[in-house]
Amino acid sequence: MAQDTPRRRGRQLPTKEQLRVWREFIETAETLRSEIASRLQSETSLSPGDYAVMLALSEAPGTRMRSSDLAAAIGWERSRLSHHLGRMERRGLIRREDCVTDSRGAEVVLNPAGGEAFRAATYPHLRAVRELFVDALTPEQLAAAGEVATALRVGLDSAH
């Protein structure tokens, strides 16, 4: 009988129980993301994309980042980011400026109105995260969820 090595296990399909857990994980995560996004939109008029962009900019030196760095920071393709930034720019949340260190690049800057909108959205957003995620778990489950997320991230990073 063949030994069950990692290589051999990697070629096997998931069991029925493993697929049940996988579906429960994916469906629950999607429902959670959807509910948090819905609350963010209804309470603050910001989309999760708006919030992700403004979070990254708020943490950047001078509340500005090169477009390519911003796309990488939030995990978006540059074309998707460009279209989204156009909408945010029309709403006065951000502005785009030529990059002083590279004439081919552009920097995205958080406008004062964007900073104010981000600060106003932070409390309701974090309240929803607390209510829907943190409070639903015991401290042990929360720690385990962190371990699961870390293990998945390590696996994904090593696959690339």
N, C-alpha and C. Protein backbone atom coordinates (compact mmCIF):
# COMPACT_ATOMS: atom_id res chain seq x y z
N MET A 1 0.85 -1.19 0.00
CA MET A 1 0.00 0.00 0.00
C MET A 1 0.89 1.24 0.00
N ALA A 2 0.54 2.25 -0.80
CA ALA A 2 1.35 3.46 -0.93
C ALA A 2 1.25 4.30 0.33
N GLN A 3 2.38 4.87 0.69
CA GLN A 3 2.42 5.75 1.87
C GLN A 3 1.70 7.06 1.53
N ASP A 4 0.99 7.65 2.50
CA ASP A 4 0.26 8.90 2.30
C ASP A 4 1.20 10.07 2.53
N THR A 5 1.96 10.44 1.52
CA THR A 5 2.91 11.54 1.62
C THR A 5 2.21 12.85 1.24
N PRO A 6 2.82 13.99 1.58
CA PRO A 6 2.23 15.27 1.16
C PRO A 6 2.00 15.33 -0.35
N ARG A 7 2.95 14.80 -1.12
CA ARG A 7 2.79 14.83 -2.58
C ARG A 7 1.56 14.01 -2.98
N ARG A 8 1.43 12.83 -2.39
CA ARG A 8 0.29 11.97 -2.73
C ARG A 8 -1.02 12.63 -2.26
N ARG A 9 -1.04 13.19 -1.06
CA ARG A 9 -2.24 13.86 -0.56
C ARG A 9 -2.63 15.03 -1.45
N GLY A 10 -1.65 15.70 -2.03
CA GLY A 10 -1.92 16.86 -2.88
C GLY A 10 -2.68 16.50 -4.14
N ARG A 11 -2.62 15.25 -4.57
CA ARG A 11 -3.29 14.83 -5.80
C ARG A 11 -4.70 14.29 -5.54
N GLN A 12 -5.02 14.05 -4.31
CA GLN A 12 -6.35 13.52 -4.00
C GLN A 12 -7.37 14.65 -3.98
N LEU A 13 -8.59 14.30 -4.31
CA LEU A 13 -9.67 15.29 -4.24
C LEU A 13 -10.16 15.40 -2.80
N PRO A 14 -10.74 16.54 -2.45
CA PRO A 14 -11.27 16.68 -1.08
C PRO A 14 -12.37 15.65 -0.82
N THR A 15 -12.47 15.26 0.44
CA THR A 15 -13.54 14.35 0.84
C THR A 15 -14.86 15.12 0.90
N LYS A 16 -15.94 14.40 1.05
CA LYS A 16 -17.25 15.04 1.17
C LYS A 16 -17.28 15.98 2.38
N GLU A 17 -16.70 15.55 3.50
CA GLU A 17 -16.67 16.39 4.71
C GLU A 17 -15.78 17.62 4.49
N GLN A 18 -14.65 17.44 3.83
CA GLN A 18 -13.76 18.58 3.56
C GLN A 18 -14.46 19.60 2.65
N LEU A 19 -15.21 19.10 1.67
CA LEU A 19 -15.96 20.00 0.79
C LEU A 19 -17.07 20.71 1.55
N ARG A 20 -17.70 20.02 2.50
CA ARG A 20 -18.73 20.66 3.32
C ARG A 20 -18.13 21.83 4.11
N VAL A 21 -16.96 21.59 4.71
CA VAL A 21 -16.29 22.64 5.48
C VAL A 21 -15.88 23.79 4.56
N TRP A 22 -15.35 23.46 3.40
CA TRP A 22 -14.94 24.47 2.43
C TRP A 22 -16.13 25.36 2.04
N ARG A 23 -17.25 24.74 1.69
CA ARG A 23 -18.42 25.52 1.29
C ARG A 23 -18.93 26.38 2.44
N GLU A 24 -18.97 25.82 3.64
CA GLU A 24 -19.42 26.58 4.81
C GLU A 24 -18.51 27.79 5.03
N PHE A 25 -17.21 27.58 4.89
CA PHE A 25 -16.24 28.66 5.06
C PHE A 25 -16.46 29.76 4.01
N ILE A 26 -16.53 29.37 2.75
CA ILE A 26 -16.67 30.34 1.66
C ILE A 26 -18.01 31.07 1.74
N GLU A 27 -19.08 30.33 1.94
CA GLU A 27 -20.40 30.96 1.98
C GLU A 27 -20.55 31.89 3.18
N THR A 28 -20.01 31.48 4.31
CA THR A 28 -20.09 32.33 5.50
C THR A 28 -19.24 33.59 5.32
N ALA A 29 -18.04 33.43 4.78
CA ALA A 29 -17.17 34.59 4.56
C ALA A 29 -17.83 35.56 3.59
N GLU A 30 -18.45 35.05 2.54
CA GLU A 30 -19.11 35.93 1.57
C GLU A 30 -20.32 36.64 2.19
N THR A 31 -21.10 35.93 2.99
CA THR A 31 -22.24 36.55 3.67
C THR A 31 -21.75 37.63 4.63
N LEU A 32 -20.69 37.34 5.36
CA LEU A 32 -20.12 38.31 6.30
C LEU A 32 -19.63 39.55 5.56
N ARG A 33 -18.87 39.36 4.49
CA ARG A 33 -18.38 40.50 3.70
C ARG A 33 -19.54 41.32 3.14
N SER A 34 -20.57 40.63 2.65
CA SER A 34 -21.73 41.31 2.08
C SER A 34 -22.46 42.15 3.13
N GLU A 35 -22.65 41.60 4.31
CA GLU A 35 -23.35 42.32 5.38
C GLU A 35 -22.53 43.53 5.84
N ILE A 36 -21.23 43.36 5.98
CA ILE A 36 -20.38 44.49 6.38
C ILE A 36 -20.38 45.56 5.30
N ALA A 37 -20.33 45.15 4.04
CA ALA A 37 -20.36 46.11 2.93
C ALA A 37 -21.68 46.86 2.89
N SER A 38 -22.77 46.13 3.10
CA SER A 38 -24.10 46.75 3.08
C SER A 38 -24.23 47.79 4.19
N ARG A 39 -23.76 47.44 5.37
CA ARG A 39 -23.83 48.40 6.49
C ARG A 39 -22.94 49.61 6.22
N LEU A 40 -21.75 49.39 5.69
CA LEU A 40 -20.85 50.50 5.39
C LEU A 40 -21.52 51.45 4.41
N GLN A 41 -22.09 50.89 3.34
CA GLN A 41 -22.73 51.71 2.31
C GLN A 41 -23.93 52.47 2.88
N SER A 42 -24.77 51.79 3.64
CA SER A 42 -25.98 52.46 4.14
C SER A 42 -25.69 53.48 5.23
N GLU A 43 -24.67 53.22 6.05
CA GLU A 43 -24.38 54.13 7.16
C GLU A 43 -23.45 55.27 6.79
N THR A 44 -22.65 55.09 5.73
CA THR A 44 -21.63 56.10 5.43
C THR A 44 -21.59 56.55 3.98
N SER A 45 -22.34 55.89 3.10
CA SER A 45 -22.32 56.16 1.66
C SER A 45 -20.98 55.84 1.02
N LEU A 46 -20.15 55.06 1.69
CA LEU A 46 -18.88 54.61 1.11
C LEU A 46 -18.99 53.15 0.76
N SER A 47 -18.37 52.78 -0.34
CA SER A 47 -18.30 51.37 -0.71
C SER A 47 -17.09 50.74 -0.02
N PRO A 48 -17.05 49.42 0.04
CA PRO A 48 -15.85 48.78 0.58
C PRO A 48 -14.59 49.17 -0.21
N GLY A 49 -14.74 49.37 -1.50
CA GLY A 49 -13.60 49.82 -2.32
C GLY A 49 -13.12 51.20 -1.92
N ASP A 50 -14.07 52.12 -1.70
CA ASP A 50 -13.73 53.46 -1.23
C ASP A 50 -12.95 53.36 0.08
N TYR A 51 -13.49 52.54 0.99
CA TYR A 51 -12.88 52.41 2.32
C TYR A 51 -11.47 51.83 2.21
N ALA A 52 -11.30 50.82 1.36
CA ALA A 52 -9.97 50.20 1.19
C ALA A 52 -8.96 51.21 0.66
N VAL A 53 -9.36 52.00 -0.32
CA VAL A 53 -8.48 53.02 -0.88
C VAL A 53 -8.13 54.05 0.18
N MET A 54 -9.13 54.54 0.90
CA MET A 54 -8.88 55.59 1.90
C MET A 54 -8.09 55.05 3.09
N LEU A 55 -8.30 53.80 3.46
CA LEU A 55 -7.50 53.20 4.53
C LEU A 55 -6.03 53.17 4.14
N ALA A 56 -5.75 52.69 2.94
CA ALA A 56 -4.35 52.62 2.49
C ALA A 56 -3.74 54.02 2.43
N LEU A 57 -4.48 54.98 1.91
CA LEU A 57 -3.96 56.35 1.82
C LEU A 57 -3.78 56.97 3.21
N SER A 58 -4.70 56.69 4.12
CA SER A 58 -4.60 57.27 5.47
C SER A 58 -3.36 56.76 6.21
N GLU A 59 -2.91 55.56 5.85
CA GLU A 59 -1.74 54.97 6.50
C GLU A 59 -0.43 55.32 5.80
N ALA A 60 -0.52 55.92 4.62
CA ALA A 60 0.68 56.24 3.83
C ALA A 60 1.26 57.58 4.27
N PRO A 61 2.58 57.73 4.16
CA PRO A 61 3.20 59.02 4.49
C PRO A 61 2.59 60.14 3.64
N GLY A 62 2.16 61.20 4.30
CA GLY A 62 1.57 62.34 3.58
C GLY A 62 0.23 62.02 2.97
N THR A 63 -0.40 60.94 3.37
CA THR A 63 -1.67 60.45 2.82
C THR A 63 -1.66 60.42 1.30
N ARG A 64 -0.54 59.95 0.75
CA ARG A 64 -0.39 59.85 -0.70
C ARG A 64 0.40 58.60 -1.06
N MET A 65 0.06 58.02 -2.20
CA MET A 65 0.75 56.84 -2.70
C MET A 65 0.77 56.87 -4.22
N ARG A 66 1.80 56.25 -4.77
CA ARG A 66 1.80 56.03 -6.21
C ARG A 66 0.66 55.09 -6.56
N SER A 67 0.06 55.28 -7.70
CA SER A 67 -1.07 54.45 -8.12
C SER A 67 -0.71 52.98 -8.12
N SER A 68 0.45 52.64 -8.64
CA SER A 68 0.85 51.23 -8.72
C SER A 68 1.03 50.63 -7.33
N ASP A 69 1.56 51.41 -6.40
CA ASP A 69 1.72 50.92 -5.02
C ASP A 69 0.37 50.76 -4.34
N LEU A 70 -0.55 51.67 -4.61
CA LEU A 70 -1.89 51.59 -4.04
C LEU A 70 -2.60 50.34 -4.56
N ALA A 71 -2.50 50.09 -5.86
CA ALA A 71 -3.13 48.89 -6.44
C ALA A 71 -2.58 47.63 -5.78
N ALA A 72 -1.29 47.57 -5.58
CA ALA A 72 -0.68 46.40 -4.94
C ALA A 72 -1.12 46.29 -3.48
N ALA A 73 -1.21 47.43 -2.79
CA ALA A 73 -1.57 47.42 -1.37
C ALA A 73 -2.98 46.89 -1.13
N ILE A 74 -3.90 47.18 -2.04
CA ILE A 74 -5.27 46.72 -1.83
C ILE A 74 -5.61 45.50 -2.68
N GLY A 75 -4.66 45.01 -3.45
CA GLY A 75 -4.85 43.79 -4.21
C GLY A 75 -5.74 43.93 -5.43
N TRP A 76 -5.69 45.09 -6.06
CA TRP A 76 -6.51 45.33 -7.25
C TRP A 76 -5.63 45.43 -8.47
N GLU A 77 -6.21 45.14 -9.62
CA GLU A 77 -5.53 45.39 -10.88
C GLU A 77 -5.53 46.90 -11.12
N ARG A 78 -4.51 47.38 -11.81
CA ARG A 78 -4.38 48.82 -11.99
C ARG A 78 -5.55 49.43 -12.77
N SER A 79 -6.10 48.70 -13.74
CA SER A 79 -7.23 49.25 -14.50
C SER A 79 -8.46 49.40 -13.61
N ARG A 80 -8.72 48.42 -12.75
CA ARG A 80 -9.86 48.52 -11.83
C ARG A 80 -9.68 49.72 -10.90
N LEU A 81 -8.45 49.87 -10.38
CA LEU A 81 -8.18 50.99 -9.48
C LEU A 81 -8.38 52.32 -10.21
N SER A 82 -7.90 52.41 -11.43
CA SER A 82 -8.01 53.67 -12.18
C SER A 82 -9.47 54.09 -12.35
N HIS A 83 -10.33 53.15 -12.69
CA HIS A 83 -11.76 53.48 -12.85
C HIS A 83 -12.37 53.89 -11.51
N HIS A 84 -12.00 53.18 -10.46
CA HIS A 84 -12.56 53.50 -9.14
C HIS A 84 -12.07 54.88 -8.66
N LEU A 85 -10.79 55.16 -8.90
CA LEU A 85 -10.26 56.47 -8.51
C LEU A 85 -10.96 57.60 -9.24
N GLY A 86 -11.32 57.37 -10.49
CA GLY A 86 -12.05 58.39 -11.24
C GLY A 86 -13.37 58.73 -10.55
N ARG A 87 -14.07 57.70 -10.09
CA ARG A 87 -15.34 57.94 -9.39
C ARG A 87 -15.10 58.66 -8.06
N MET A 88 -14.06 58.26 -7.35
CA MET A 88 -13.76 58.91 -6.06
C MET A 88 -13.31 60.35 -6.27
N GLU A 89 -12.59 60.58 -7.34
CA GLU A 89 -12.12 61.94 -7.64
C GLU A 89 -13.31 62.85 -7.95
N ARG A 90 -14.28 62.36 -8.70
CA ARG A 90 -15.47 63.16 -9.02
C ARG A 90 -16.26 63.50 -7.76
N ARG A 91 -16.17 62.66 -6.74
CA ARG A 91 -16.87 62.91 -5.48
C ARG A 91 -16.02 63.75 -4.52
N GLY A 92 -14.81 64.13 -4.93
CA GLY A 92 -13.96 64.99 -4.11
C GLY A 92 -13.23 64.28 -2.97
N LEU A 93 -13.19 62.95 -3.01
CA LEU A 93 -12.55 62.21 -1.92
C LEU A 93 -11.03 62.13 -2.08
N ILE A 94 -10.58 62.05 -3.32
CA ILE A 94 -9.14 61.95 -3.61
C ILE A 94 -8.82 62.85 -4.79
N ARG A 95 -7.53 63.03 -5.04
CA ARG A 95 -7.09 63.69 -6.26
C ARG A 95 -5.86 62.96 -6.76
N ARG A 96 -5.61 63.08 -8.03
CA ARG A 96 -4.42 62.47 -8.62
C ARG A 96 -3.49 63.60 -9.05
N GLU A 97 -2.22 63.40 -8.73
CA GLU A 97 -1.19 64.38 -9.07
C GLU A 97 -0.06 63.67 -9.77
N ASP A 98 0.66 64.44 -10.61
CA ASP A 98 1.85 63.87 -11.23
C ASP A 98 2.86 63.55 -10.15
N CYS A 99 3.56 62.46 -10.32
CA CYS A 99 4.59 62.05 -9.37
C CYS A 99 5.84 62.90 -9.60
N VAL A 100 6.34 63.53 -8.55
CA VAL A 100 7.50 64.42 -8.70
C VAL A 100 8.78 63.65 -8.96
N THR A 101 8.84 62.38 -8.54
CA THR A 101 10.06 61.59 -8.73
C THR A 101 10.05 60.76 -10.00
N ASP A 102 8.89 60.66 -10.68
CA ASP A 102 8.79 59.85 -11.89
C ASP A 102 7.72 60.46 -12.78
N SER A 103 8.12 61.06 -13.88
CA SER A 103 7.17 61.78 -14.73
C SER A 103 6.14 60.85 -15.37
N ARG A 104 6.40 59.54 -15.37
CA ARG A 104 5.43 58.60 -15.95
C ARG A 104 4.38 58.18 -14.93
N GLY A 105 4.64 58.39 -13.66
CA GLY A 105 3.73 57.90 -12.62
C GLY A 105 2.80 58.97 -12.10
N ALA A 106 1.82 58.54 -11.35
CA ALA A 106 0.89 59.45 -10.70
C ALA A 106 0.77 59.05 -9.24
N GLU A 107 0.49 60.04 -8.42
CA GLU A 107 0.25 59.78 -7.01
C GLU A 107 -1.22 60.06 -6.71
N VAL A 108 -1.77 59.25 -5.84
CA VAL A 108 -3.14 59.44 -5.38
C VAL A 108 -3.05 60.08 -4.01
N VAL A 109 -3.81 61.14 -3.80
CA VAL A 109 -3.75 61.91 -2.56
C VAL A 109 -5.14 61.94 -1.94
N LEU A 110 -5.20 61.69 -0.65
CA LEU A 110 -6.46 61.76 0.08
C LEU A 110 -6.80 63.23 0.31
N ASN A 111 -7.91 63.69 -0.24
CA ASN A 111 -8.36 65.07 -0.03
C ASN A 111 -8.89 65.24 1.39
N PRO A 112 -8.96 66.47 1.89
CA PRO A 112 -9.55 66.68 3.22
C PRO A 112 -10.95 66.09 3.35
N ALA A 113 -11.78 66.24 2.31
CA ALA A 113 -13.13 65.66 2.36
C ALA A 113 -13.07 64.14 2.45
N GLY A 114 -12.10 63.54 1.77
CA GLY A 114 -11.93 62.10 1.85
C GLY A 114 -11.47 61.65 3.22
N GLY A 115 -10.55 62.42 3.81
CA GLY A 115 -10.10 62.11 5.16
C GLY A 115 -11.23 62.20 6.16
N GLU A 116 -12.07 63.21 6.00
CA GLU A 116 -13.21 63.38 6.89
C GLU A 116 -14.21 62.23 6.71
N ALA A 117 -14.49 61.87 5.47
CA ALA A 117 -15.41 60.75 5.20
C ALA A 117 -14.86 59.45 5.76
N PHE A 118 -13.56 59.24 5.62
CA PHE A 118 -12.94 58.02 6.14
C PHE A 118 -13.04 57.98 7.67
N ARG A 119 -12.72 59.08 8.32
CA ARG A 119 -12.81 59.11 9.79
C ARG A 119 -14.24 58.88 10.26
N ALA A 120 -15.21 59.47 9.56
CA ALA A 120 -16.62 59.29 9.93
C ALA A 120 -17.08 57.85 9.71
N ALA A 121 -16.50 57.17 8.75
CA ALA A 121 -16.90 55.78 8.44
C ALA A 121 -16.22 54.76 9.34
N THR A 122 -15.10 55.12 9.94
CA THR A 122 -14.31 54.14 10.68
C THR A 122 -15.07 53.55 11.86
N TYR A 123 -15.71 54.37 12.67
CA TYR A 123 -16.41 53.84 13.83
C TYR A 123 -17.55 52.90 13.43
N PRO A 124 -18.46 53.30 12.52
CA PRO A 124 -19.52 52.36 12.14
C PRO A 124 -18.97 51.07 11.52
N HIS A 125 -17.91 51.19 10.74
CA HIS A 125 -17.31 50.00 10.11
C HIS A 125 -16.74 49.06 11.17
N LEU A 126 -15.97 49.61 12.10
CA LEU A 126 -15.38 48.78 13.15
C LEU A 126 -16.44 48.22 14.09
N ARG A 127 -17.51 48.97 14.30
CA ARG A 127 -18.62 48.46 15.11
C ARG A 127 -19.25 47.23 14.44
N ALA A 128 -19.43 47.28 13.12
CA ALA A 128 -19.98 46.14 12.39
C ALA A 128 -19.04 44.94 12.44
N VAL A 129 -17.74 45.17 12.30
CA VAL A 129 -16.76 44.09 12.39
C VAL A 129 -16.84 43.44 13.77
N ARG A 130 -16.93 44.28 14.78
CA ARG A 130 -17.01 43.77 16.16
C ARG A 130 -18.28 42.93 16.35
N GLU A 131 -19.41 43.49 15.93
CA GLU A 131 -20.69 42.82 16.14
C GLU A 131 -20.82 41.52 15.34
N LEU A 132 -20.43 41.55 14.07
CA LEU A 132 -20.67 40.41 13.19
C LEU A 132 -19.57 39.36 13.21
N PHE A 133 -18.36 39.75 13.59
CA PHE A 133 -17.24 38.81 13.56
C PHE A 133 -16.70 38.53 14.95
N VAL A 134 -16.18 39.54 15.60
CA VAL A 134 -15.51 39.35 16.89
C VAL A 134 -16.47 38.80 17.94
N ASP A 135 -17.64 39.42 18.09
CA ASP A 135 -18.58 39.01 19.13
C ASP A 135 -19.21 37.65 18.87
N ALA A 136 -19.17 37.16 17.63
CA ALA A 136 -19.75 35.85 17.30
C ALA A 136 -18.84 34.70 17.71
N LEU A 137 -17.59 35.02 18.10
CA LEU A 137 -16.60 33.99 18.40
C LEU A 137 -16.14 34.09 19.85
N THR A 138 -15.77 32.95 20.40
CA THR A 138 -15.11 32.96 21.71
C THR A 138 -13.68 33.42 21.49
N PRO A 139 -12.97 33.82 22.55
CA PRO A 139 -11.56 34.19 22.37
C PRO A 139 -10.74 33.06 21.74
N GLU A 140 -11.05 31.83 22.10
CA GLU A 140 -10.32 30.69 21.53
C GLU A 140 -10.62 30.53 20.03
N GLN A 141 -11.89 30.71 19.66
CA GLN A 141 -12.26 30.62 18.25
C GLN A 141 -11.64 31.74 17.44
N LEU A 142 -11.58 32.94 18.03
CA LEU A 142 -10.97 34.07 17.35
C LEU A 142 -9.48 33.80 17.11
N ALA A 143 -8.80 33.26 18.13
CA ALA A 143 -7.38 32.91 17.96
C ALA A 143 -7.22 31.84 16.89
N ALA A 144 -8.11 30.84 16.89
CA ALA A 144 -8.04 29.78 15.87
C ALA A 144 -8.30 30.35 14.48
N ALA A 145 -9.24 31.29 14.36
CA ALA A 145 -9.51 31.92 13.07
C ALA A 145 -8.27 32.66 12.56
N GLY A 146 -7.57 33.31 13.48
CA GLY A 146 -6.32 33.98 13.10
C GLY A 146 -5.27 32.99 12.62
N GLU A 147 -5.18 31.85 13.29
CA GLU A 147 -4.24 30.81 12.88
C GLU A 147 -4.60 30.24 11.51
N VAL A 148 -5.89 30.03 11.28
CA VAL A 148 -6.35 29.53 9.98
C VAL A 148 -6.01 30.53 8.88
N ALA A 149 -6.31 31.81 9.13
CA ALA A 149 -6.02 32.84 8.13
C ALA A 149 -4.53 32.91 7.82
N THR A 150 -3.70 32.81 8.85
CA THR A 150 -2.25 32.84 8.65
C THR A 150 -1.79 31.64 7.84
N ALA A 151 -2.29 30.46 8.18
CA ALA A 151 -1.91 29.25 7.44
C ALA A 151 -2.32 29.34 5.98
N LEU A 152 -3.53 29.84 5.73
CA LEU A 152 -3.98 29.99 4.34
C LEU A 152 -3.12 31.00 3.60
N ARG A 153 -2.79 32.11 4.25
CA ARG A 153 -1.95 33.14 3.59
C ARG A 153 -0.57 32.59 3.28
N VAL A 154 0.02 31.86 4.21
CA VAL A 154 1.35 31.26 3.96
C VAL A 154 1.28 30.31 2.78
N GLY A 155 0.23 29.48 2.75
CA GLY A 155 0.07 28.54 1.64
C GLY A 155 -0.10 29.25 0.31
N LEU A 156 -0.88 30.32 0.30
CA LEU A 156 -1.08 31.08 -0.92
C LEU A 156 0.20 31.78 -1.37
N ASP A 157 0.92 32.36 -0.39
CA ASP A 157 2.17 33.05 -0.71
C ASP A 157 3.20 32.09 -1.28
N SER A 158 3.27 30.88 -0.73
CA SER A 158 4.26 29.91 -1.21
C SER A 158 3.87 29.34 -2.57
N ALA A 159 2.57 29.36 -2.90
CA ALA A 159 2.11 28.89 -4.21
C ALA A 159 2.49 29.86 -5.33
N HIS A 160 2.76 31.10 -4.94
CA HIS A 160 3.12 32.12 -5.94
C HIS A 160 4.58 32.31 -5.88
